[in-house]
């Protein structure tokens, strides 16, 4: 159990011209789709 981070939870937020909304809670979240990975550049 952790408190929400002070950073990264602003909702809505915009990246590359598209707007996204942060869910108030992850409870019940389940989704299928494509995963990618990120590495040394970051």
ModelCIF file with pLDDT and N, C-alpha, C, O atoms, coordinates in Angstrom:
data_MODEL
#
_entry.id   MODEL 
#
_entity.id                         1 
_entity.type                       polymer 
_entity.pdbx_number_of_molecules   1 
#
_entity_poly.entity_id                      1 
_entity_poly.type                           'polypeptide(L)' 
_entity_poly.nstd_linkage                   no 
_entity_poly.nstd_monomer                   no 
_entity_poly.pdbx_seq_one_letter_code       
;(UNK)(UNK)(UNK)(UNK)(UNK)(UNK)(UNK)(UNK)(UNK)(UNK)(UNK)(UNK)(UNK)(UNK)(UNK)(UNK)
(UNK)(UNK)(UNK)(UNK)(UNK)(UNK)(UNK)(UNK)(UNK)(UNK)(UNK)(UNK)(UNK)(UNK)(UNK)(UNK)
(UNK)(UNK)(UNK)(UNK)(UNK)(UNK)(UNK)(UNK)(UNK)(UNK)
;
_entity_poly.pdbx_seq_one_letter_code_can   XXXXXXXXXXXXXXXXXXXXXXXXXXXXXXXXXXXXXXXXXX 
_entity_poly.pdbx_strand_id                 A 
#
loop_
_entity_poly_seq.entity_id 
_entity_poly_seq.num 
_entity_poly_seq.mon_id 
_entity_poly_seq.hetero 
1 1  UNK n 
1 2  UNK n 
1 3  UNK n 
1 4  UNK n 
1 5  UNK n 
1 6  UNK n 
1 7  UNK n 
1 8  UNK n 
1 9  UNK n 
1 10 UNK n 
1 11 UNK n 
1 12 UNK n 
1 13 UNK n 
1 14 UNK n 
1 15 UNK n 
1 16 UNK n 
1 17 UNK n 
1 18 UNK n 
1 19 UNK n 
1 20 UNK n 
1 21 UNK n 
1 22 UNK n 
1 23 UNK n 
1 24 UNK n 
1 25 UNK n 
1 26 UNK n 
1 27 UNK n 
1 28 UNK n 
1 29 UNK n 
1 30 UNK n 
1 31 UNK n 
1 32 UNK n 
1 33 UNK n 
1 34 UNK n 
1 35 UNK n 
1 36 UNK n 
1 37 UNK n 
1 38 UNK n 
1 39 UNK n 
1 40 UNK n 
1 41 UNK n 
1 42 UNK n 
#
_struct_asym.id          A 
_struct_asym.entity_id   1 
#
loop_
_ma_qa_metric.id 
_ma_qa_metric.mode 
_ma_qa_metric.name 
_ma_qa_metric.software_group_id 
_ma_qa_metric.type 
1 global pLDDT . pLDDT 
2 local  pLDDT . pLDDT 
#
_ma_qa_metric_global.metric_id      1 
_ma_qa_metric_global.metric_value   90.60 
_ma_qa_metric_global.model_id       1 
_ma_qa_metric_global.ordinal_id     1 
#
loop_
_ma_qa_metric_local.label_asym_id 
_ma_qa_metric_local.label_comp_id 
_ma_qa_metric_local.label_seq_id 
_ma_qa_metric_local.metric_id 
_ma_qa_metric_local.metric_value 
_ma_qa_metric_local.model_id 
_ma_qa_metric_local.ordinal_id 
A UNK 1  2 87.00 1 1  
A UNK 2  2 89.00 1 2  
A UNK 3  2 92.00 1 3  
A UNK 4  2 93.00 1 4  
A UNK 5  2 92.00 1 5  
A UNK 6  2 91.00 1 6  
A UNK 7  2 92.00 1 7  
A UNK 8  2 94.00 1 8  
A UNK 9  2 95.00 1 9  
A UNK 10 2 94.00 1 10 
A UNK 11 2 94.00 1 11 
A UNK 12 2 95.00 1 12 
A UNK 13 2 95.00 1 13 
A UNK 14 2 95.00 1 14 
A UNK 15 2 93.00 1 15 
A UNK 16 2 90.00 1 16 
A UNK 17 2 91.00 1 17 
A UNK 18 2 92.00 1 18 
A UNK 19 2 94.00 1 19 
A UNK 20 2 94.00 1 20 
A UNK 21 2 95.00 1 21 
A UNK 22 2 95.00 1 22 
A UNK 23 2 94.00 1 23 
A UNK 24 2 92.00 1 24 
A UNK 25 2 92.00 1 25 
A UNK 26 2 92.00 1 26 
A UNK 27 2 90.00 1 27 
A UNK 28 2 91.00 1 28 
A UNK 29 2 94.00 1 29 
A UNK 30 2 92.00 1 30 
A UNK 31 2 94.00 1 31 
A UNK 32 2 94.00 1 32 
A UNK 33 2 95.00 1 33 
A UNK 34 2 96.00 1 34 
A UNK 35 2 95.00 1 35 
A UNK 36 2 93.00 1 36 
A UNK 37 2 89.00 1 37 
A UNK 38 2 89.00 1 38 
A UNK 39 2 73.00 1 39 
A UNK 40 2 65.00 1 40 
A UNK 41 2 69.00 1 41 
A UNK 42 2 74.00 1 42 
#
loop_
_atom_site.group_PDB 
_atom_site.id 
_atom_site.type_symbol 
_atom_site.label_atom_id 
_atom_site.label_alt_id 
_atom_site.label_comp_id 
_atom_site.label_asym_id 
_atom_site.label_entity_id 
_atom_site.label_seq_id 
_atom_site.pdbx_PDB_ins_code 
_atom_site.Cartn_x 
_atom_site.Cartn_y 
_atom_site.Cartn_z 
_atom_site.occupancy 
_atom_site.B_iso_or_equiv 
_atom_site.pdbx_formal_charge 
_atom_site.auth_seq_id 
_atom_site.auth_comp_id 
_atom_site.auth_asym_id 
_atom_site.auth_atom_id 
_atom_site.pdbx_PDB_model_num 
ATOM 1   N N  . UNK A 1 1  ? 0.844   -1.195 0.000   1.00 87.00 ? 1  UNK A N  1 
ATOM 2   C CA . UNK A 1 1  ? 0.000   0.000  0.000   1.00 87.00 ? 1  UNK A CA 1 
ATOM 3   C C  . UNK A 1 1  ? 0.879   1.243  0.000   1.00 87.00 ? 1  UNK A C  1 
ATOM 4   O O  . UNK A 1 1  ? 1.725   1.405  0.879   1.00 87.00 ? 1  UNK A O  1 
ATOM 5   N N  . UNK A 1 2  ? 0.686   2.114  -0.971  1.00 89.00 ? 2  UNK A N  1 
ATOM 6   C CA . UNK A 1 2  ? 1.454   3.347  -1.098  1.00 89.00 ? 2  UNK A CA 1 
ATOM 7   C C  . UNK A 1 2  ? 0.515   4.505  -1.414  1.00 89.00 ? 2  UNK A C  1 
ATOM 8   O O  . UNK A 1 2  ? -0.521  4.304  -2.047  1.00 89.00 ? 2  UNK A O  1 
ATOM 9   N N  . UNK A 1 3  ? 0.861   5.708  -0.983  1.00 92.00 ? 3  UNK A N  1 
ATOM 10  C CA . UNK A 1 3  ? 0.071   6.878  -1.399  1.00 92.00 ? 3  UNK A CA 1 
ATOM 11  C C  . UNK A 1 3  ? 0.339   7.182  -2.866  1.00 92.00 ? 3  UNK A C  1 
ATOM 12  O O  . UNK A 1 3  ? 1.371   6.787  -3.409  1.00 92.00 ? 3  UNK A O  1 
ATOM 13  N N  . UNK A 1 4  ? -0.581  7.879  -3.501  1.00 93.00 ? 4  UNK A N  1 
ATOM 14  C CA . UNK A 1 4  ? -0.358  8.272  -4.884  1.00 93.00 ? 4  UNK A CA 1 
ATOM 15  C C  . UNK A 1 4  ? 0.832   9.221  -4.978  1.00 93.00 ? 4  UNK A C  1 
ATOM 16  O O  . UNK A 1 4  ? 1.055   10.048 -4.095  1.00 93.00 ? 4  UNK A O  1 
ATOM 17  N N  . UNK A 1 5  ? 1.578   9.090  -6.042  1.00 92.00 ? 5  UNK A N  1 
ATOM 18  C CA . UNK A 1 5  ? 2.742   9.943  -6.254  1.00 92.00 ? 5  UNK A CA 1 
ATOM 19  C C  . UNK A 1 5  ? 2.306   11.393 -6.462  1.00 92.00 ? 5  UNK A C  1 
ATOM 20  O O  . UNK A 1 5  ? 1.233   11.662 -7.002  1.00 92.00 ? 5  UNK A O  1 
ATOM 21  N N  . UNK A 1 6  ? 3.144   12.305 -6.030  1.00 91.00 ? 6  UNK A N  1 
ATOM 22  C CA . UNK A 1 6  ? 2.853   13.720 -6.236  1.00 91.00 ? 6  UNK A CA 1 
ATOM 23  C C  . UNK A 1 6  ? 2.959   14.073 -7.713  1.00 91.00 ? 6  UNK A C  1 
ATOM 24  O O  . UNK A 1 6  ? 2.280   14.979 -8.197  1.00 91.00 ? 6  UNK A O  1 
ATOM 25  N N  . UNK A 1 7  ? 3.819   13.346 -8.422  1.00 92.00 ? 7  UNK A N  1 
ATOM 26  C CA . UNK A 1 7  ? 3.986   13.584 -9.852  1.00 92.00 ? 7  UNK A CA 1 
ATOM 27  C C  . UNK A 1 7  ? 3.366   12.465 -10.667 1.00 92.00 ? 7  UNK A C  1 
ATOM 28  O O  . UNK A 1 7  ? 3.293   11.321 -10.218 1.00 92.00 ? 7  UNK A O  1 
ATOM 29  N N  . UNK A 1 8  ? 2.916   12.806 -11.877 1.00 94.00 ? 8  UNK A N  1 
ATOM 30  C CA . UNK A 1 8  ? 2.441   11.800 -12.812 1.00 94.00 ? 8  UNK A CA 1 
ATOM 31  C C  . UNK A 1 8  ? 0.977   11.456 -12.720 1.00 94.00 ? 8  UNK A C  1 
ATOM 32  O O  . UNK A 1 8  ? 0.507   10.607 -13.477 1.00 94.00 ? 8  UNK A O  1 
ATOM 33  N N  . UNK A 1 9  ? 0.224   12.088 -11.812 1.00 95.00 ? 9  UNK A N  1 
ATOM 34  C CA . UNK A 1 9  ? -1.189  11.758 -11.652 1.00 95.00 ? 9  UNK A CA 1 
ATOM 35  C C  . UNK A 1 9  ? -2.127  12.887 -12.064 1.00 95.00 ? 9  UNK A C  1 
ATOM 36  O O  . UNK A 1 9  ? -3.320  12.846 -11.765 1.00 95.00 ? 9  UNK A O  1 
ATOM 37  N N  . UNK A 1 10 ? -1.595  13.886 -12.744 1.00 94.00 ? 10 UNK A N  1 
ATOM 38  C CA . UNK A 1 10 ? -2.453  14.967 -13.236 1.00 94.00 ? 10 UNK A CA 1 
ATOM 39  C C  . UNK A 1 10 ? -3.434  14.412 -14.265 1.00 94.00 ? 10 UNK A C  1 
ATOM 40  O O  . UNK A 1 10 ? -3.050  13.643 -15.147 1.00 94.00 ? 10 UNK A O  1 
ATOM 41  N N  . UNK A 1 11 ? -4.688  14.800 -14.150 1.00 94.00 ? 11 UNK A N  1 
ATOM 42  C CA . UNK A 1 11 ? -5.704  14.317 -15.074 1.00 94.00 ? 11 UNK A CA 1 
ATOM 43  C C  . UNK A 1 11 ? -6.679  15.443 -15.412 1.00 94.00 ? 11 UNK A C  1 
ATOM 44  O O  . UNK A 1 11 ? -7.206  16.088 -14.507 1.00 94.00 ? 11 UNK A O  1 
ATOM 45  N N  . UNK A 1 12 ? -6.929  15.691 -16.708 1.00 95.00 ? 12 UNK A N  1 
ATOM 46  C CA . UNK A 1 12 ? -6.312  15.010 -17.849 1.00 95.00 ? 12 UNK A CA 1 
ATOM 47  C C  . UNK A 1 12 ? -4.917  15.561 -18.123 1.00 95.00 ? 12 UNK A C  1 
ATOM 48  O O  . UNK A 1 12 ? -4.513  16.570 -17.543 1.00 95.00 ? 12 UNK A O  1 
ATOM 49  N N  . UNK A 1 13 ? -4.184  14.889 -19.014 1.00 95.00 ? 13 UNK A N  1 
ATOM 50  C CA . UNK A 1 13 ? -2.887  15.371 -19.464 1.00 95.00 ? 13 UNK A CA 1 
ATOM 51  C C  . UNK A 1 13 ? -2.784  15.101 -20.965 1.00 95.00 ? 13 UNK A C  1 
ATOM 52  O O  . UNK A 1 13 ? -3.492  14.250 -21.503 1.00 95.00 ? 13 UNK A O  1 
ATOM 53  N N  . UNK A 1 14 ? -1.908  15.824 -21.620 1.00 95.00 ? 14 UNK A N  1 
ATOM 54  C CA . UNK A 1 14 ? -1.802  15.728 -23.074 1.00 95.00 ? 14 UNK A CA 1 
ATOM 55  C C  . UNK A 1 14 ? -0.382  15.383 -23.489 1.00 95.00 ? 14 UNK A C  1 
ATOM 56  O O  . UNK A 1 14 ? 0.577   15.988 -23.012 1.00 95.00 ? 14 UNK A O  1 
ATOM 57  N N  . UNK A 1 15 ? -0.254  14.408 -24.378 1.00 93.00 ? 15 UNK A N  1 
ATOM 58  C CA . UNK A 1 15 ? 1.039   14.014 -24.941 1.00 93.00 ? 15 UNK A CA 1 
ATOM 59  C C  . UNK A 1 15 ? 0.881   13.878 -26.446 1.00 93.00 ? 15 UNK A C  1 
ATOM 60  O O  . UNK A 1 15 ? -0.008  13.176 -26.927 1.00 93.00 ? 15 UNK A O  1 
ATOM 61  N N  . UNK A 1 16 ? 1.764   14.566 -27.196 1.00 90.00 ? 16 UNK A N  1 
ATOM 62  C CA . UNK A 1 16 ? 1.744   14.506 -28.661 1.00 90.00 ? 16 UNK A CA 1 
ATOM 63  C C  . UNK A 1 16 ? 0.359   14.816 -29.221 1.00 90.00 ? 16 UNK A C  1 
ATOM 64  O O  . UNK A 1 16 ? -0.098  14.193 -30.179 1.00 90.00 ? 16 UNK A O  1 
ATOM 65  N N  . UNK A 1 17 ? -0.297  15.795 -28.598 1.00 91.00 ? 17 UNK A N  1 
ATOM 66  C CA . UNK A 1 17 ? -1.572  16.263 -29.110 1.00 91.00 ? 17 UNK A CA 1 
ATOM 67  C C  . UNK A 1 17 ? -2.779  15.443 -28.721 1.00 91.00 ? 17 UNK A C  1 
ATOM 68  O O  . UNK A 1 17 ? -3.894  15.758 -29.135 1.00 91.00 ? 17 UNK A O  1 
ATOM 69  N N  . UNK A 1 18 ? -2.587  14.399 -27.936 1.00 92.00 ? 18 UNK A N  1 
ATOM 70  C CA . UNK A 1 18 ? -3.706  13.560 -27.518 1.00 92.00 ? 18 UNK A CA 1 
ATOM 71  C C  . UNK A 1 18 ? -3.896  13.660 -26.007 1.00 92.00 ? 18 UNK A C  1 
ATOM 72  O O  . UNK A 1 18 ? -2.926  13.719 -25.251 1.00 92.00 ? 18 UNK A O  1 
ATOM 73  N N  . UNK A 1 19 ? -5.158  13.678 -25.575 1.00 94.00 ? 19 UNK A N  1 
ATOM 74  C CA . UNK A 1 19 ? -5.473  13.846 -24.161 1.00 94.00 ? 19 UNK A CA 1 
ATOM 75  C C  . UNK A 1 19 ? -5.799  12.512 -23.516 1.00 94.00 ? 19 UNK A C  1 
ATOM 76  O O  . UNK A 1 19 ? -6.511  11.683 -24.084 1.00 94.00 ? 19 UNK A O  1 
ATOM 77  N N  . UNK A 1 20 ? -5.259  12.322 -22.308 1.00 94.00 ? 20 UNK A N  1 
ATOM 78  C CA . UNK A 1 20 ? -5.466  11.077 -21.560 1.00 94.00 ? 20 UNK A CA 1 
ATOM 79  C C  . UNK A 1 20 ? -6.009  11.406 -20.170 1.00 94.00 ? 20 UNK A C  1 
ATOM 80  O O  . UNK A 1 20 ? -5.767  12.486 -19.631 1.00 94.00 ? 20 UNK A O  1 
ATOM 81  N N  . UNK A 1 21 ? -6.751  10.447 -19.604 1.00 95.00 ? 21 UNK A N  1 
ATOM 82  C CA . UNK A 1 21 ? -7.344  10.626 -18.282 1.00 95.00 ? 21 UNK A CA 1 
ATOM 83  C C  . UNK A 1 21 ? -6.829  9.529  -17.346 1.00 95.00 ? 21 UNK A C  1 
ATOM 84  O O  . UNK A 1 21 ? -6.752  8.362  -17.727 1.00 95.00 ? 21 UNK A O  1 
ATOM 85  N N  . UNK A 1 22 ? -6.479  9.917  -16.126 1.00 95.00 ? 22 UNK A N  1 
ATOM 86  C CA . UNK A 1 22 ? -5.979  8.978  -15.124 1.00 95.00 ? 22 UNK A CA 1 
ATOM 87  C C  . UNK A 1 22 ? -7.155  8.423  -14.325 1.00 95.00 ? 22 UNK A C  1 
ATOM 88  O O  . UNK A 1 22 ? -8.005  9.174  -13.848 1.00 95.00 ? 22 UNK A O  1 
ATOM 89  N N  . UNK A 1 23 ? -7.191  7.113  -14.185 1.00 94.00 ? 23 UNK A N  1 
ATOM 90  C CA . UNK A 1 23 ? -8.266  6.481  -13.414 1.00 94.00 ? 23 UNK A CA 1 
ATOM 91  C C  . UNK A 1 23 ? -8.102  6.813  -11.933 1.00 94.00 ? 23 UNK A C  1 
ATOM 92  O O  . UNK A 1 23 ? -6.977  6.859  -11.435 1.00 94.00 ? 23 UNK A O  1 
ATOM 93  N N  . UNK A 1 24 ? -9.205  7.046  -11.223 1.00 92.00 ? 24 UNK A N  1 
ATOM 94  C CA . UNK A 1 24 ? -9.101  7.322  -9.783  1.00 92.00 ? 24 UNK A CA 1 
ATOM 95  C C  . UNK A 1 24 ? -8.572  6.126  -9.005  1.00 92.00 ? 24 UNK A C  1 
ATOM 96  O O  . UNK A 1 24 ? -7.975  6.294  -7.942  1.00 92.00 ? 24 UNK A O  1 
ATOM 97  N N  . UNK A 1 25 ? -8.785  4.917  -9.526  1.00 92.00 ? 25 UNK A N  1 
ATOM 98  C CA . UNK A 1 25 ? -8.320  3.699  -8.869  1.00 92.00 ? 25 UNK A CA 1 
ATOM 99  C C  . UNK A 1 25 ? -8.129  2.619  -9.929  1.00 92.00 ? 25 UNK A C  1 
ATOM 100 O O  . UNK A 1 25 ? -8.797  2.613  -10.963 1.00 92.00 ? 25 UNK A O  1 
ATOM 101 N N  . UNK A 1 26 ? -7.206  1.711  -9.649  1.00 92.00 ? 26 UNK A N  1 
ATOM 102 C CA . UNK A 1 26 ? -7.000  0.594  -10.569 1.00 92.00 ? 26 UNK A CA 1 
ATOM 103 C C  . UNK A 1 26 ? -7.885  -0.594 -10.256 1.00 92.00 ? 26 UNK A C  1 
ATOM 104 O O  . UNK A 1 26 ? -7.801  -1.620 -10.930 1.00 92.00 ? 26 UNK A O  1 
ATOM 105 N N  . UNK A 1 27 ? -8.730  -0.476 -9.249  1.00 90.00 ? 27 UNK A N  1 
ATOM 106 C CA . UNK A 1 27 ? -9.565  -1.589 -8.799  1.00 90.00 ? 27 UNK A CA 1 
ATOM 107 C C  . UNK A 1 27 ? -10.407 -2.148 -9.952  1.00 90.00 ? 27 UNK A C  1 
ATOM 108 O O  . UNK A 1 27 ? -11.139 -1.413 -10.615 1.00 90.00 ? 27 UNK A O  1 
ATOM 109 N N  . UNK A 1 28 ? -10.292 -3.452 -10.176 1.00 91.00 ? 28 UNK A N  1 
ATOM 110 C CA . UNK A 1 28 ? -11.079 -4.116 -11.199 1.00 91.00 ? 28 UNK A CA 1 
ATOM 111 C C  . UNK A 1 28 ? -10.514 -4.009 -12.605 1.00 91.00 ? 28 UNK A C  1 
ATOM 112 O O  . UNK A 1 28 ? -11.083 -4.573 -13.540 1.00 91.00 ? 28 UNK A O  1 
ATOM 113 N N  . UNK A 1 29 ? -9.397  -3.292 -12.777 1.00 94.00 ? 29 UNK A N  1 
ATOM 114 C CA . UNK A 1 29 ? -8.840  -3.109 -14.119 1.00 94.00 ? 29 UNK A CA 1 
ATOM 115 C C  . UNK A 1 29 ? -8.271  -4.426 -14.646 1.00 94.00 ? 29 UNK A C  1 
ATOM 116 O O  . UNK A 1 29 ? -7.504  -5.101 -13.960 1.00 94.00 ? 29 UNK A O  1 
ATOM 117 N N  . UNK A 1 30 ? -8.652  -4.778 -15.861 1.00 92.00 ? 30 UNK A N  1 
ATOM 118 C CA . UNK A 1 30 ? -8.151  -5.972 -16.530 1.00 92.00 ? 30 UNK A CA 1 
ATOM 119 C C  . UNK A 1 30 ? -8.291  -5.734 -18.030 1.00 92.00 ? 30 UNK A C  1 
ATOM 120 O O  . UNK A 1 30 ? -9.373  -5.396 -18.510 1.00 92.00 ? 30 UNK A O  1 
ATOM 121 N N  . UNK A 1 31 ? -7.204  -5.910 -18.765 1.00 94.00 ? 31 UNK A N  1 
ATOM 122 C CA . UNK A 1 31 ? -7.232  -5.583 -20.186 1.00 94.00 ? 31 UNK A CA 1 
ATOM 123 C C  . UNK A 1 31 ? -6.245  -6.468 -20.934 1.00 94.00 ? 31 UNK A C  1 
ATOM 124 O O  . UNK A 1 31 ? -5.186  -6.828 -20.421 1.00 94.00 ? 31 UNK A O  1 
ATOM 125 N N  . UNK A 1 32 ? -6.627  -6.807 -22.165 1.00 94.00 ? 32 UNK A N  1 
ATOM 126 C CA . UNK A 1 32 ? -5.729  -7.550 -23.046 1.00 94.00 ? 32 UNK A CA 1 
ATOM 127 C C  . UNK A 1 32 ? -5.326  -6.654 -24.208 1.00 94.00 ? 32 UNK A C  1 
ATOM 128 O O  . UNK A 1 32 ? -6.125  -5.866 -24.714 1.00 94.00 ? 32 UNK A O  1 
ATOM 129 N N  . UNK A 1 33 ? -4.083  -6.792 -24.615 1.00 95.00 ? 33 UNK A N  1 
ATOM 130 C CA . UNK A 1 33 ? -3.587  -5.975 -25.712 1.00 95.00 ? 33 UNK A CA 1 
ATOM 131 C C  . UNK A 1 33 ? -2.121  -6.252 -25.949 1.00 95.00 ? 33 UNK A C  1 
ATOM 132 O O  . UNK A 1 33 ? -1.601  -7.302 -25.571 1.00 95.00 ? 33 UNK A O  1 
ATOM 133 N N  . UNK A 1 34 ? -1.459  -5.298 -26.580 1.00 96.00 ? 34 UNK A N  1 
ATOM 134 C CA . UNK A 1 34 ? -0.047  -5.460 -26.952 1.00 96.00 ? 34 UNK A CA 1 
ATOM 135 C C  . UNK A 1 34 ? 0.843   -4.760 -25.931 1.00 96.00 ? 34 UNK A C  1 
ATOM 136 O O  . UNK A 1 34 ? 0.608   -3.605 -25.577 1.00 96.00 ? 34 UNK A O  1 
ATOM 137 N N  . UNK A 1 35 ? 1.867   -5.470 -25.461 1.00 95.00 ? 35 UNK A N  1 
ATOM 138 C CA . UNK A 1 35 ? 2.883   -4.891 -24.570 1.00 95.00 ? 35 UNK A CA 1 
ATOM 139 C C  . UNK A 1 35 ? 4.162   -4.672 -25.357 1.00 95.00 ? 35 UNK A C  1 
ATOM 140 O O  . UNK A 1 35 ? 4.506   -5.456 -26.241 1.00 95.00 ? 35 UNK A O  1 
ATOM 141 N N  . UNK A 1 36 ? 4.856   -3.600 -25.026 1.00 93.00 ? 36 UNK A N  1 
ATOM 142 C CA . UNK A 1 36 ? 6.190   -3.349 -25.560 1.00 93.00 ? 36 UNK A CA 1 
ATOM 143 C C  . UNK A 1 36 ? 7.133   -3.181 -24.379 1.00 93.00 ? 36 UNK A C  1 
ATOM 144 O O  . UNK A 1 36 ? 6.718   -3.323 -23.229 1.00 93.00 ? 36 UNK A O  1 
ATOM 145 N N  . UNK A 1 37 ? 8.396   -2.881 -24.652 1.00 89.00 ? 37 UNK A N  1 
ATOM 146 C CA . UNK A 1 37 ? 9.336   -2.668 -23.547 1.00 89.00 ? 37 UNK A CA 1 
ATOM 147 C C  . UNK A 1 37 ? 10.261  -1.507 -23.889 1.00 89.00 ? 37 UNK A C  1 
ATOM 148 O O  . UNK A 1 37 ? 10.472  -1.178 -25.056 1.00 89.00 ? 37 UNK A O  1 
ATOM 149 N N  . UNK A 1 38 ? 10.804  -0.900 -22.845 1.00 89.00 ? 38 UNK A N  1 
ATOM 150 C CA . UNK A 1 38 ? 11.746  0.192  -23.051 1.00 89.00 ? 38 UNK A CA 1 
ATOM 151 C C  . UNK A 1 38 ? 12.987  -0.027 -22.203 1.00 89.00 ? 38 UNK A C  1 
ATOM 152 O O  . UNK A 1 38 ? 12.917  -0.588 -21.110 1.00 89.00 ? 38 UNK A O  1 
ATOM 153 N N  . UNK A 1 39 ? 14.129  0.426  -22.723 1.00 73.00 ? 39 UNK A N  1 
ATOM 154 C CA . UNK A 1 39 ? 15.390  0.036  -22.110 1.00 73.00 ? 39 UNK A CA 1 
ATOM 155 C C  . UNK A 1 39 ? 16.416  1.134  -21.950 1.00 73.00 ? 39 UNK A C  1 
ATOM 156 O O  . UNK A 1 39 ? 16.204  2.108  -21.229 1.00 73.00 ? 39 UNK A O  1 
ATOM 157 N N  . UNK A 1 40 ? 17.537  0.959  -22.637 1.00 65.00 ? 40 UNK A N  1 
ATOM 158 C CA . UNK A 1 40 ? 18.733  1.737  -22.335 1.00 65.00 ? 40 UNK A CA 1 
ATOM 159 C C  . UNK A 1 40 ? 18.599  3.221  -22.642 1.00 65.00 ? 40 UNK A C  1 
ATOM 160 O O  . UNK A 1 40 ? 19.228  4.053  -21.988 1.00 65.00 ? 40 UNK A O  1 
ATOM 161 N N  . UNK A 1 41 ? 17.784  3.553  -23.632 1.00 69.00 ? 41 UNK A N  1 
ATOM 162 C CA . UNK A 1 41 ? 17.639  4.966  -23.989 1.00 69.00 ? 41 UNK A CA 1 
ATOM 163 C C  . UNK A 1 41 ? 17.059  5.780  -22.833 1.00 69.00 ? 41 UNK A C  1 
ATOM 164 O O  . UNK A 1 41 ? 17.316  6.979  -22.725 1.00 69.00 ? 41 UNK A O  1 
ATOM 165 N N  . UNK A 1 42 ? 16.278  5.127  -21.968 1.00 74.00 ? 42 UNK A N  1 
ATOM 166 C CA . UNK A 1 42 ? 15.636  5.822  -20.856 1.00 74.00 ? 42 UNK A CA 1 
ATOM 167 C C  . UNK A 1 42 ? 16.243  5.450  -19.508 1.00 74.00 ? 42 UNK A C  1 
ATOM 168 O O  . UNK A 1 42 ? 15.807  5.955  -18.474 1.00 74.00 ? 42 UNK A O  1 
#
